[in-house]
C-alpha cells in the first residue's frame, strides 16, 4: 500500500516540484500558508496541482490537524515551511525538514537563511541536513547530511550546490521512506 506523503512550503514550492519530477510521484497533499502576494511567487506547476491547499498564514493546531489528519500515518515533509510546528503535531505525526545549513557542525546555523550566514561568515565547509521535526527550531535528530568544501566558492555556486545536495538527500530519503 502506498504511504501517504504530505509536503508543506511557505516560499515558492519549487523544491517539491523538483522532487516530484525526480521521484515520478507527487505528494498526496501539498500545503502552503497564506502569504502577502509580494513576498513570493508560487511555482506554476504547483498552482496547477489539484492537491494544493492553502491554510492561514499562522495555522492553528486544529487547522493543521484538519489537513494532516485526513491521511492515515502520513510522512510529512517541510520544504521552506517558515512556521514552527506545534508540539502536539510534532508528537502525533512523522515530520521531517530539510535545512540548508550544516547544523551538525555549526549549531549556530539553526533558523532562517543559514546558507547566507555561512557564506557571509566564510565558513570553510557548508552543507545541508534532513532532520526529524520537533517543537524547537531545527532541534530534531539529524538523519542525513551532505557537506561540501566552501573554500573560494561564489555565492551563485553556493546556492546551486546547496540546492543540489538538498535534493539528493530528499530523493534518497523519500525513495526509502515511501518505498518507491
Protein backbone atom coordinates (compact mmCIF):
# COMPACT_ATOMS: atom_id res chain seq x y z
CA UNK A 1 0.00 0.00 0.00
CA UNK A 2 1.25 3.46 -0.91
CA UNK A 3 2.43 5.54 2.07
CA UNK A 4 0.73 8.98 2.12
CA UNK A 5 3.08 11.93 1.62
CA UNK A 6 2.17 15.48 2.66
CA UNK A 7 4.57 18.31 1.71
CA UNK A 8 4.47 21.81 3.25
CA UNK A 9 6.04 25.01 1.89
CA UNK A 10 5.89 28.76 2.55
CA UNK A 11 8.06 30.03 -0.27
CA UNK A 12 7.90 29.00 -3.96
CA UNK A 13 7.44 25.23 -3.69
CA UNK A 14 9.98 24.61 -6.45
CA UNK A 15 11.80 22.00 -4.36
CA UNK A 16 8.56 19.98 -4.17
CA UNK A 17 8.16 20.18 -7.96
CA UNK A 18 11.76 19.05 -8.49
CA UNK A 19 11.31 16.16 -6.06
CA UNK A 20 8.02 15.04 -7.61
CA UNK A 21 9.52 15.05 -11.07
CA UNK A 22 12.65 13.17 -9.90
CA UNK A 23 10.65 10.60 -7.96
CA UNK A 24 7.87 10.16 -10.50
CA UNK A 25 5.35 10.77 -7.73
CA UNK A 26 3.60 13.86 -6.47
CA UNK A 27 2.74 14.28 -2.80
CA UNK A 28 -0.79 13.24 -1.91
CA UNK A 29 -1.29 16.71 -0.47
CA UNK A 30 0.72 19.94 -0.80
CA UNK A 31 0.10 22.58 1.85
CA UNK A 32 1.11 26.22 1.81
CA UNK A 33 0.25 29.11 4.06
CA UNK A 34 -1.40 32.35 3.02
CA UNK A 35 1.28 34.97 2.43
CA UNK A 36 1.14 38.51 1.04
CA UNK A 37 1.42 38.30 -2.76
CA UNK A 38 4.53 40.47 -2.85
CA UNK A 39 6.51 38.04 -0.68
CA UNK A 40 6.62 35.12 -3.09
CA UNK A 41 5.62 33.61 -6.40
CA UNK A 42 4.37 30.02 -6.20
CA UNK A 43 5.81 27.66 -8.80
CA UNK A 44 3.42 27.48 -11.76
CA UNK A 45 3.28 23.67 -11.69
CA UNK A 46 2.06 23.77 -8.09
CA UNK A 47 -0.62 26.32 -8.88
CA UNK A 48 -1.99 23.82 -11.40
CA UNK A 49 -1.86 20.87 -8.98
CA UNK A 50 -5.20 19.66 -7.72
CA UNK A 51 -3.61 18.60 -4.42
CA UNK A 52 -2.55 22.12 -3.33
CA UNK A 53 -4.36 23.56 -0.32
CA UNK A 54 -3.79 26.87 1.43
CA UNK A 55 -4.04 27.30 5.18
CA UNK A 56 -3.94 30.55 7.13
CA UNK A 57 -0.62 32.38 7.47
CA UNK A 58 -0.15 31.06 11.01
CA UNK A 59 -2.28 27.90 11.08
CA UNK A 60 -3.72 26.69 14.37
CA UNK A 61 -3.34 23.16 15.69
CA UNK A 62 -6.91 22.37 14.62
CA UNK A 63 -6.27 23.68 11.11
CA UNK A 64 -3.11 21.57 10.81
CA UNK A 65 -4.97 18.54 12.21
CA UNK A 66 -7.67 19.02 9.61
CA UNK A 67 -5.23 18.78 6.68
CA UNK A 68 -2.79 16.20 8.07
CA UNK A 69 -5.30 14.07 9.95
CA UNK A 70 -7.23 13.16 6.83
CA UNK A 71 -4.45 10.67 5.96
CA UNK A 72 -3.56 7.56 7.96
CA UNK A 73 0.08 7.55 9.11
CA UNK A 74 1.45 10.06 6.57
CA UNK A 75 5.06 11.10 6.05
CA UNK A 76 5.09 14.89 6.36
CA UNK A 77 7.94 16.87 4.81
CA UNK A 78 8.78 20.56 5.15
CA UNK A 79 10.36 22.43 2.23
CA UNK A 80 10.88 26.03 3.22
CA UNK A 81 7.92 25.94 5.63
CA UNK A 82 8.54 29.11 7.64
CA UNK A 83 6.44 28.17 10.67
CA UNK A 84 7.22 26.17 13.80
CA UNK A 85 5.05 23.07 14.05
CA UNK A 86 3.20 22.93 17.39
CA UNK A 87 4.42 20.30 19.90
CA UNK A 88 1.20 18.26 19.67
CA UNK A 89 1.56 17.99 15.87
CA UNK A 90 5.25 17.02 16.16
CA UNK A 91 4.41 14.30 18.68
CA UNK A 92 1.50 12.88 16.71
CA UNK A 93 2.94 12.82 13.17
CA UNK A 94 6.20 11.76 11.49
CA UNK A 95 7.60 15.04 10.17
CA UNK A 96 10.95 15.77 8.51
CA UNK A 97 12.58 19.05 7.50
CA UNK A 98 15.32 19.89 5.03
CA UNK A 99 17.65 22.54 6.40
CA UNK A 100 20.24 24.31 4.21
CA UNK A 101 22.79 24.69 6.99
CA UNK A 102 25.28 22.18 8.35
CA UNK A 103 23.92 22.31 11.91
CA UNK A 104 25.74 19.10 12.84
CA UNK A 105 28.99 21.07 12.70
CA UNK A 106 27.71 24.61 13.17
CA UNK A 107 24.71 24.68 15.56
CA UNK A 108 24.59 28.46 15.23
CA UNK A 109 23.16 27.94 11.71
CA UNK A 110 19.78 26.86 13.05
CA UNK A 111 16.95 29.11 11.90
CA UNK A 112 16.23 31.05 8.72
CA UNK A 113 18.71 31.59 5.86
CA UNK A 114 21.69 29.65 7.28
CA UNK A 115 23.36 29.33 3.88
CA UNK A 116 23.62 33.12 3.62
CA UNK A 117 25.09 33.36 7.13
CA UNK A 118 27.60 30.59 6.35
CA UNK A 119 28.59 32.22 3.06
CA UNK A 120 28.98 35.70 4.57
CA UNK A 121 30.87 34.18 7.52
CA UNK A 122 33.25 32.43 5.10
CA UNK A 123 32.63 29.02 6.67
CA UNK A 124 35.16 26.54 5.20
CA UNK A 125 32.58 23.75 4.95
CA UNK A 126 28.91 24.15 4.10
CA UNK A 127 26.09 21.71 3.68
CA UNK A 128 22.54 20.70 4.46
CA UNK A 129 20.71 18.22 6.64
CA UNK A 130 17.45 16.34 6.93
CA UNK A 131 16.13 16.16 10.47
CA UNK A 132 13.12 14.97 12.39
CA UNK A 133 10.88 17.89 13.34
CA UNK A 134 10.34 18.73 16.99
CA UNK A 135 8.78 21.80 18.57
CA UNK A 136 12.19 23.57 18.73
CA UNK A 137 13.57 25.30 15.64
CA UNK A 138 15.87 22.82 13.86
CA UNK A 139 16.30 20.86 17.11
CA UNK A 140 15.24 17.37 15.96
CA UNK A 141 17.55 14.41 15.37
CA UNK A 142 19.54 14.75 12.14
CA UNK A 143 19.00 11.68 9.94
CA UNK A 144 21.20 12.62 6.95
CA UNK A 145 23.66 15.29 5.93
CA UNK A 146 25.63 16.42 2.91
CA UNK A 147 28.67 18.67 3.16
CA UNK A 148 30.95 20.37 0.68
CA UNK A 149 34.14 22.41 0.66
CA UNK A 150 33.20 26.09 0.55
CA UNK A 151 36.70 27.45 0.07
CA UNK A 152 36.63 30.16 -2.64
CA UNK A 153 33.05 29.32 -3.61
CA UNK A 154 30.99 32.06 -5.24
CA UNK A 155 27.52 32.94 -3.95
CA UNK A 156 25.96 31.52 -7.12
CA UNK A 157 27.87 28.24 -6.69
CA UNK A 158 26.85 28.11 -3.02
CA UNK A 159 23.15 28.34 -3.94
CA UNK A 160 23.45 25.69 -6.66
CA UNK A 161 25.49 23.18 -4.65
CA UNK A 162 23.32 23.56 -1.54
CA UNK A 163 20.16 23.07 -3.62
CA UNK A 164 21.58 20.03 -5.44
CA UNK A 165 22.80 18.40 -2.21
CA UNK A 166 19.46 19.01 -0.52
CA UNK A 167 17.56 17.45 -3.43
CA UNK A 168 19.90 14.45 -3.33
CA UNK A 169 19.18 13.94 0.41
CA UNK A 170 15.43 14.23 -0.10
CA UNK A 171 15.38 11.86 -3.09
CA UNK A 172 17.34 9.17 -1.23
CA UNK A 173 15.21 9.55 1.89
CA UNK A 174 11.83 9.61 0.11
CA UNK A 175 12.67 6.62 -2.09
CA UNK A 176 13.33 4.62 1.05
CA UNK A 177 10.55 6.02 3.20
CA UNK A 178 7.84 5.94 0.56
CA UNK A 179 9.08 2.61 -0.83
CA UNK A 180 9.45 3.94 -4.38
